[in-house]
Amino acid sequence: MRYRQPIIQQGLTRTEAEETRARYLRINPGARVTIDSQPDNPQLKTLIAHLPVLPFQRVRDPGFSGYRGWRS
């Protein structure tokens, strides 16, 4: 499976990172999302999301729950 360029979010608290991870997985179940501690401050987390590249036909399916902004 091909993945898009990773999305990296730094400086999140544990709860923010877990909520963001859950949102990415809800929108796109095929995503790989990891949460790492920052080396200089272990209380802050870094979230790294690898989202798969979906075929255009799958994005246009009626049941697809993400990327609906362009539809009218």
PDB file of N, CA and C in Angstrom:
ATOM      1  N   MET A   1       0.840  -1.172   0.000  1.00  0.00           N
ATOM      2  CA  MET A   1       0.000   0.000   0.000  1.00  0.00           C
ATOM      3  C   MET A   1       0.889   1.241   0.000  1.00  0.00           C
ATOM      4  N   ARG A   2       0.520   2.201  -0.814  1.00  0.00           N
ATOM      5  CA  ARG A   2       1.274   3.459  -0.867  1.00  0.00           C
ATOM      6  C   ARG A   2       0.730   4.425   0.166  1.00  0.00           C
ATOM      7  N   TYR A   3       1.633   5.195   0.758  1.00  0.00           N
ATOM      8  CA  TYR A   3       1.240   6.177   1.759  1.00  0.00           C
ATOM      9  C   TYR A   3       1.644   7.568   1.303  1.00  0.00           C
ATOM     10  N   ARG A   4       0.879   8.557   1.743  1.00  0.00           N
ATOM     11  CA  ARG A   4       1.216   9.955   1.481  1.00  0.00           C
ATOM     12  C   ARG A   4       2.408  10.340   2.344  1.00  0.00           C
ATOM     13  N   GLN A   5       2.918  11.528   2.116  1.00  0.00           N
ATOM     14  CA  GLN A   5       3.990  12.048   2.953  1.00  0.00           C
ATOM     15  C   GLN A   5       3.461  12.149   4.385  1.00  0.00           C
ATOM     16  N   PRO A   6       4.253  11.750   5.394  1.00  0.00           N
ATOM     17  CA  PRO A   6       3.731  11.721   6.764  1.00  0.00           C
ATOM     18  C   PRO A   6       3.373  13.107   7.294  1.00  0.00           C
ATOM     19  N   ILE A   7       2.339  13.128   8.125  1.00  0.00           N
ATOM     20  CA  ILE A   7       1.920  14.336   8.824  1.00  0.00           C
ATOM     21  C   ILE A   7       2.529  14.259  10.217  1.00  0.00           C
ATOM     22  N   ILE A   8       3.298  15.271  10.603  1.00  0.00           N
ATOM     23  CA  ILE A   8       3.976  15.272  11.891  1.00  0.00           C
ATOM     24  C   ILE A   8       3.452  16.450  12.710  1.00  0.00           C
ATOM     25  N   GLN A   9       2.931  16.141  13.897  1.00  0.00           N
ATOM     26  CA  GLN A   9       2.438  17.171  14.804  1.00  0.00           C
ATOM     27  C   GLN A   9       3.229  17.063  16.103  1.00  0.00           C
ATOM     28  N   GLN A  10       3.899  18.134  16.486  1.00  0.00           N
ATOM     29  CA  GLN A  10       4.743  18.128  17.674  1.00  0.00           C
ATOM     30  C   GLN A  10       4.131  18.970  18.777  1.00  0.00           C
ATOM     31  N   GLY A  11       4.531  18.682  20.017  1.00  0.00           N
ATOM     32  CA  GLY A  11       4.124  19.500  21.150  1.00  0.00           C
ATOM     33  C   GLY A  11       2.721  19.226  21.647  1.00  0.00           C
ATOM     34  N   LEU A  12       2.209  18.014  21.444  1.00  0.00           N
ATOM     35  CA  LEU A  12       0.869  17.670  21.906  1.00  0.00           C
ATOM     36  C   LEU A  12       0.935  17.044  23.296  1.00  0.00           C
ATOM     37  N   THR A  13      -0.106  17.251  24.089  1.00  0.00           N
ATOM     38  CA  THR A  13      -0.206  16.537  25.354  1.00  0.00           C
ATOM     39  C   THR A  13      -0.657  15.106  25.061  1.00  0.00           C
ATOM     40  N   ARG A  14      -0.624  14.259  26.070  1.00  0.00           N
ATOM     41  CA  ARG A  14      -1.019  12.863  25.871  1.00  0.00           C
ATOM     42  C   ARG A  14      -2.468  12.761  25.396  1.00  0.00           C
ATOM     43  N   THR A  15      -3.378  13.510  26.019  1.00  0.00           N
ATOM     44  CA  THR A  15      -4.790  13.412  25.626  1.00  0.00           C
ATOM     45  C   THR A  15      -5.024  13.973  24.230  1.00  0.00           C
ATOM     46  N   GLU A  16      -4.351  15.078  23.882  1.00  0.00           N
ATOM     47  CA  GLU A  16      -4.488  15.628  22.529  1.00  0.00           C
ATOM     48  C   GLU A  16      -3.986  14.631  21.493  1.00  0.00           C
ATOM     49  N   ALA A  17      -2.860  13.988  21.777  1.00  0.00           N
ATOM     50  CA  ALA A  17      -2.295  13.016  20.839  1.00  0.00           C
ATOM     51  C   ALA A  17      -3.216  11.815  20.670  1.00  0.00           C
ATOM     52  N   GLU A  18      -3.794  11.325  21.762  1.00  0.00           N
ATOM     53  CA  GLU A  18      -4.689  10.172  21.668  1.00  0.00           C
ATOM     54  C   GLU A  18      -5.986  10.519  20.943  1.00  0.00           C
ATOM     55  N   GLU A  19      -6.527  11.717  21.176  1.00  0.00           N
ATOM     56  CA  GLU A  19      -7.736  12.140  20.474  1.00  0.00           C
ATOM     57  C   GLU A  19      -7.476  12.322  18.980  1.00  0.00           C
ATOM     58  N   THR A  20      -6.332  12.897  18.648  1.00  0.00           N
ATOM     59  CA  THR A  20      -5.976  13.096  17.240  1.00  0.00           C
ATOM     60  C   THR A  20      -5.760  11.752  16.553  1.00  0.00           C
ATOM     61  N   ARG A  21      -5.110  10.819  17.237  1.00  0.00           N
ATOM     62  CA  ARG A  21      -4.881   9.483  16.690  1.00  0.00           C
ATOM     63  C   ARG A  21      -6.219   8.794  16.414  1.00  0.00           C
ATOM     64  N   ALA A  22      -7.138   8.871  17.357  1.00  0.00           N
ATOM     65  CA  ALA A  22      -8.454   8.251  17.178  1.00  0.00           C
ATOM     66  C   ALA A  22      -9.198   8.876  16.001  1.00  0.00           C
ATOM     67  N   ARG A  23      -9.078  10.207  15.836  1.00  0.00           N
ATOM     68  CA  ARG A  23      -9.747  10.883  14.720  1.00  0.00           C
ATOM     69  C   ARG A  23      -9.175  10.430  13.378  1.00  0.00           C
ATOM     70  N   TYR A  24      -7.826  10.331  13.286  1.00  0.00           N
ATOM     71  CA  TYR A  24      -7.219   9.859  12.035  1.00  0.00           C
ATOM     72  C   TYR A  24      -7.675   8.443  11.704  1.00  0.00           C
ATOM     73  N   LEU A  25      -7.725   7.564  12.710  1.00  0.00           N
ATOM     74  CA  LEU A  25      -8.120   6.181  12.460  1.00  0.00           C
ATOM     75  C   LEU A  25      -9.611   6.062  12.148  1.00  0.00           C
ATOM     76  N   ARG A  26     -10.435   6.948  12.691  1.00  0.00           N
ATOM     77  CA  ARG A  26     -11.872   6.925  12.390  1.00  0.00           C
ATOM     78  C   ARG A  26     -12.114   7.377  10.952  1.00  0.00           C
ATOM     79  N   ILE A  27     -11.409   8.430  10.523  1.00  0.00           N
ATOM     80  CA  ILE A  27     -11.577   8.944   9.168  1.00  0.00           C
ATOM     81  C   ILE A  27     -11.004   7.979   8.135  1.00  0.00           C
ATOM     82  N   ASN A  28      -9.842   7.401   8.447  1.00  0.00           N
ATOM     83  CA  ASN A  28      -9.166   6.524   7.503  1.00  0.00           C
ATOM     84  C   ASN A  28      -8.635   5.302   8.243  1.00  0.00           C
ATOM     85  N   PRO A  29      -9.381   4.176   8.275  1.00  0.00           N
ATOM     86  CA  PRO A  29      -8.966   3.000   9.042  1.00  0.00           C
ATOM     87  C   PRO A  29      -7.640   2.391   8.587  1.00  0.00           C
ATOM     88  N   GLY A  30      -7.188   2.668   7.385  1.00  0.00           N
ATOM     89  CA  GLY A  30      -5.930   2.114   6.900  1.00  0.00           C
ATOM     90  C   GLY A  30      -4.711   2.930   7.287  1.00  0.00           C
ATOM     91  N   ALA A  31      -4.892   3.989   8.062  1.00  0.00           N
ATOM     92  CA  ALA A  31      -3.777   4.864   8.442  1.00  0.00           C
ATOM     93  C   ALA A  31      -2.881   4.179   9.477  1.00  0.00           C
ATOM     94  N   ARG A  32      -1.600   4.539   9.434  1.00  0.00           N
ATOM     95  CA  ARG A  32      -0.652   4.112  10.469  1.00  0.00           C
ATOM     96  C   ARG A  32      -0.303   5.357  11.271  1.00  0.00           C
ATOM     97  N   VAL A  33      -0.685   5.378  12.538  1.00  0.00           N
ATOM     98  CA  VAL A  33      -0.480   6.546  13.382  1.00  0.00           C
ATOM     99  C   VAL A  33       0.319   6.119  14.611  1.00  0.00           C
ATOM    100  N   THR A  34       1.448   6.801  14.849  1.00  0.00           N
ATOM    101  CA  THR A  34       2.268   6.499  16.019  1.00  0.00           C
ATOM    102  C   THR A  34       2.408   7.748  16.878  1.00  0.00           C
ATOM    103  N   ILE A  35       2.575   7.513  18.179  1.00  0.00           N
ATOM    104  CA  ILE A  35       2.776   8.592  19.140  1.00  0.00           C
ATOM    105  C   ILE A  35       4.114   8.341  19.831  1.00  0.00           C
ATOM    106  N   ASP A  36       5.016   9.311  19.742  1.00  0.00           N
ATOM    107  CA  ASP A  36       6.336   9.216  20.363  1.00  0.00           C
ATOM    108  C   ASP A  36       6.508  10.337  21.365  1.00  0.00           C
ATOM    109  N   SER A  37       7.357  10.099  22.368  1.00  0.00           N
ATOM    110  CA  SER A  37       7.702  11.154  23.320  1.00  0.00           C
ATOM    111  C   SER A  37       8.793  12.026  22.726  1.00  0.00           C
ATOM    112  N   GLN A  38       8.756  13.308  23.041  1.00  0.00           N
ATOM    113  CA  GLN A  38       9.811  14.204  22.578  1.00  0.00           C
ATOM    114  C   GLN A  38      11.028  14.026  23.491  1.00  0.00           C
ATOM    115  N   PRO A  39      12.246  14.013  22.926  1.00  0.00           N
ATOM    116  CA  PRO A  39      13.442  13.752  23.737  1.00  0.00           C
ATOM    117  C   PRO A  39      13.735  14.831  24.778  1.00  0.00           C
ATOM    118  N   ASP A  40      13.453  16.094  24.467  1.00  0.00           N
ATOM    119  CA  ASP A  40      13.764  17.160  25.411  1.00  0.00           C
ATOM    120  C   ASP A  40      12.711  17.317  26.504  1.00  0.00           C
ATOM    121  N   ASN A  41      11.464  16.905  26.243  1.00  0.00           N
ATOM    122  CA  ASN A  41      10.392  16.992  27.234  1.00  0.00           C
ATOM    123  C   ASN A  41       9.495  15.769  27.075  1.00  0.00           C
ATOM    124  N   PRO A  42       9.678  14.732  27.904  1.00  0.00           N
ATOM    125  CA  PRO A  42       8.908  13.489  27.725  1.00  0.00           C
ATOM    126  C   PRO A  42       7.402  13.647  27.937  1.00  0.00           C
ATOM    127  N   GLN A  43       6.958  14.747  28.552  1.00  0.00           N
ATOM    128  CA  GLN A  43       5.522  14.939  28.745  1.00  0.00           C
ATOM    129  C   GLN A  43       4.832  15.359  27.457  1.00  0.00           C
ATOM    130  N   LEU A  44       5.553  15.965  26.539  1.00  0.00           N
ATOM    131  CA  LEU A  44       4.986  16.353  25.250  1.00  0.00           C
ATOM    132  C   LEU A  44       5.175  15.217  24.255  1.00  0.00           C
ATOM    133  N   LYS A  45       4.207  15.050  23.384  1.00  0.00           N
ATOM    134  CA  LYS A  45       4.204  13.947  22.425  1.00  0.00           C
ATOM    135  C   LYS A  45       4.297  14.462  20.999  1.00  0.00           C
ATOM    136  N   THR A  46       4.833  13.608  20.138  1.00  0.00           N
ATOM    137  CA  THR A  46       4.880  13.855  18.704  1.00  0.00           C
ATOM    138  C   THR A  46       4.026  12.797  18.030  1.00  0.00           C
ATOM    139  N   LEU A  47       3.083  13.227  17.199  1.00  0.00           N
ATOM    140  CA  LEU A  47       2.213  12.315  16.485  1.00  0.00           C
ATOM    141  C   LEU A  47       2.661  12.253  15.032  1.00  0.00           C
ATOM    142  N   ILE A  48       2.829  11.041  14.511  1.00  0.00           N
ATOM    143  CA  ILE A  48       3.239  10.836  13.126  1.00  0.00           C
ATOM    144  C   ILE A  48       2.155   9.994  12.450  1.00  0.00           C
ATOM    145  N   ALA A  49       1.513  10.562  11.426  1.00  0.00           N
ATOM    146  CA  ALA A  49       0.419   9.879  10.731  1.00  0.00           C
ATOM    147  C   ALA A  49       0.825   9.600   9.292  1.00  0.00           C
ATOM    148  N   HIS A  50       0.727   8.342   8.895  1.00  0.00           N
ATOM    149  CA  HIS A  50       0.945   7.926   7.509  1.00  0.00           C
ATOM    150  C   HIS A  50      -0.417   7.545   6.943  1.00  0.00           C
ATOM    151  N   LEU A  51      -0.939   8.384   6.050  1.00  0.00           N
ATOM    152  CA  LEU A  51      -2.252   8.137   5.456  1.00  0.00           C
ATOM    153  C   LEU A  51      -2.084   7.467   4.102  1.00  0.00           C
ATOM    154  N   PRO A  52      -2.841   6.399   3.838  1.00  0.00           N
ATOM    155  CA  PRO A  52      -2.703   5.717   2.547  1.00  0.00           C
ATOM    156  C   PRO A  52      -3.288   6.545   1.409  1.00  0.00           C
ATOM    157  N   VAL A  53      -2.758   6.327   0.239  1.00  0.00           N
ATOM    158  CA  VAL A  53      -3.283   6.957  -0.974  1.00  0.00           C
ATOM    159  C   VAL A  53      -4.430   6.082  -1.449  1.00  0.00           C
ATOM    160  N   LEU A  54      -5.614   6.661  -1.500  1.00  0.00           N
ATOM    161  CA  LEU A  54      -6.797   5.905  -1.908  1.00  0.00           C
ATOM    162  C   LEU A  54      -7.106   6.151  -3.381  1.00  0.00           C
ATOM    163  N   PRO A  55      -7.566   5.121  -4.088  1.00  0.00           N
ATOM    164  CA  PRO A  55      -7.981   5.323  -5.472  1.00  0.00           C
ATOM    165  C   PRO A  55      -9.176   6.267  -5.533  1.00  0.00           C
ATOM    166  N   PHE A  56      -9.260   7.048  -6.592  1.00  0.00           N
ATOM    167  CA  PHE A  56     -10.314   8.051  -6.722  1.00  0.00           C
ATOM    168  C   PHE A  56     -11.707   7.434  -6.657  1.00  0.00           C
ATOM    169  N   GLN A  57     -11.890   6.260  -7.221  1.00  0.00           N
ATOM    170  CA  GLN A  57     -13.201   5.614  -7.194  1.00  0.00           C
ATOM    171  C   GLN A  57     -13.653   5.340  -5.764  1.00  0.00           C
ATOM    172  N   ARG A  58     -12.724   4.949  -4.887  1.00  0.00           N
ATOM    173  CA  ARG A  58     -13.084   4.660  -3.498  1.00  0.00           C
ATOM    174  C   ARG A  58     -13.461   5.937  -2.758  1.00  0.00           C
ATOM    175  N   VAL A  59     -12.812   7.046  -3.060  1.00  0.00           N
ATOM    176  CA  VAL A  59     -13.138   8.317  -2.418  1.00  0.00           C
ATOM    177  C   VAL A  59     -14.537   8.760  -2.811  1.00  0.00           C
ATOM    178  N   ARG A  60     -14.960   8.443  -4.022  1.00  0.00           N
ATOM    179  CA  ARG A  60     -16.278   8.859  -4.503  1.00  0.00           C
ATOM    180  C   ARG A  60     -17.404   7.952  -4.015  1.00  0.00           C
ATOM    181  N   ASP A  61     -17.083   6.816  -3.374  1.00  0.00           N
ATOM    182  CA  ASP A  61     -18.122   5.912  -2.884  1.00  0.00           C
ATOM    183  C   ASP A  61     -19.042   6.615  -1.896  1.00  0.00           C
ATOM    184  N   PRO A  62     -20.339   6.273  -1.894  1.00  0.00           N
ATOM    185  CA  PRO A  62     -21.287   6.944  -0.994  1.00  0.00           C
ATOM    186  C   PRO A  62     -20.963   6.754   0.493  1.00  0.00           C
ATOM    187  N   GLY A  63     -20.394   5.621   0.877  1.00  0.00           N
ATOM    188  CA  GLY A  63     -20.140   5.356   2.283  1.00  0.00           C
ATOM    189  C   GLY A  63     -18.816   5.873   2.800  1.00  0.00           C
ATOM    190  N   PHE A  64     -18.009   6.504   1.959  1.00  0.00           N
ATOM    191  CA  PHE A  64     -16.696   6.988   2.390  1.00  0.00           C
ATOM    192  C   PHE A  64     -16.875   8.158   3.340  1.00  0.00           C
ATOM    193  N   SER A  65     -16.229   8.104   4.514  1.00  0.00           N
ATOM    194  CA  SER A  65     -16.502   9.091   5.566  1.00  0.00           C
ATOM    195  C   SER A  65     -15.511  10.246   5.598  1.00  0.00           C
ATOM    196  N   GLY A  66     -14.519  10.268   4.766  1.00  0.00           N
ATOM    197  CA  GLY A  66     -13.536  11.349   4.806  1.00  0.00           C
ATOM    198  C   GLY A  66     -13.519  12.151   3.525  1.00  0.00           C
ATOM    199  N   TYR A  67     -12.879  13.280   3.559  1.00  0.00           N
ATOM    200  CA  TYR A  67     -12.667  14.134   2.392  1.00  0.00           C
ATOM    201  C   TYR A  67     -13.966  14.571   1.729  1.00  0.00           C
ATOM    202  N   ARG A  68     -14.988  14.922   2.487  1.00  0.00           N
ATOM    203  CA  ARG A  68     -16.278  15.311   1.914  1.00  0.00           C
ATOM    204  C   ARG A  68     -16.372  16.785   1.592  1.00  0.00           C
ATOM    205  N   GLY A  69     -15.358  17.566   1.874  1.00  0.00           N
ATOM    206  CA  GLY A  69     -15.429  18.999   1.700  1.00  0.00           C
ATOM    207  C   GLY A  69     -15.701  19.446   0.273  1.00  0.00           C
ATOM    208  N   TRP A  70     -15.274  18.694  -0.717  1.00  0.00           N
ATOM    209  CA  TRP A  70     -15.439  19.121  -2.097  1.00  0.00           C
ATOM    210  C   TRP A  70     -16.782  18.748  -2.671  1.00  0.00           C
ATOM    211  N   ARG A  71     -17.568  17.924  -1.979  1.00  0.00           N
ATOM    212  CA  ARG A  71     -18.878  17.554  -2.500  1.00  0.00           C
ATOM    213  C   ARG A  71     -19.878  18.655  -2.254  1.00  0.00           C
ATOM    214  N   SER A  72     -20.888  18.737  -3.094  1.00  0.00           N
ATOM    215  CA  SER A  72     -21.934  19.732  -2.863  1.00  0.00           C
ATOM    216  C   SER A  72     -23.226  19.056  -2.483  1.00  0.00           C
TER     217      SER A  72
END
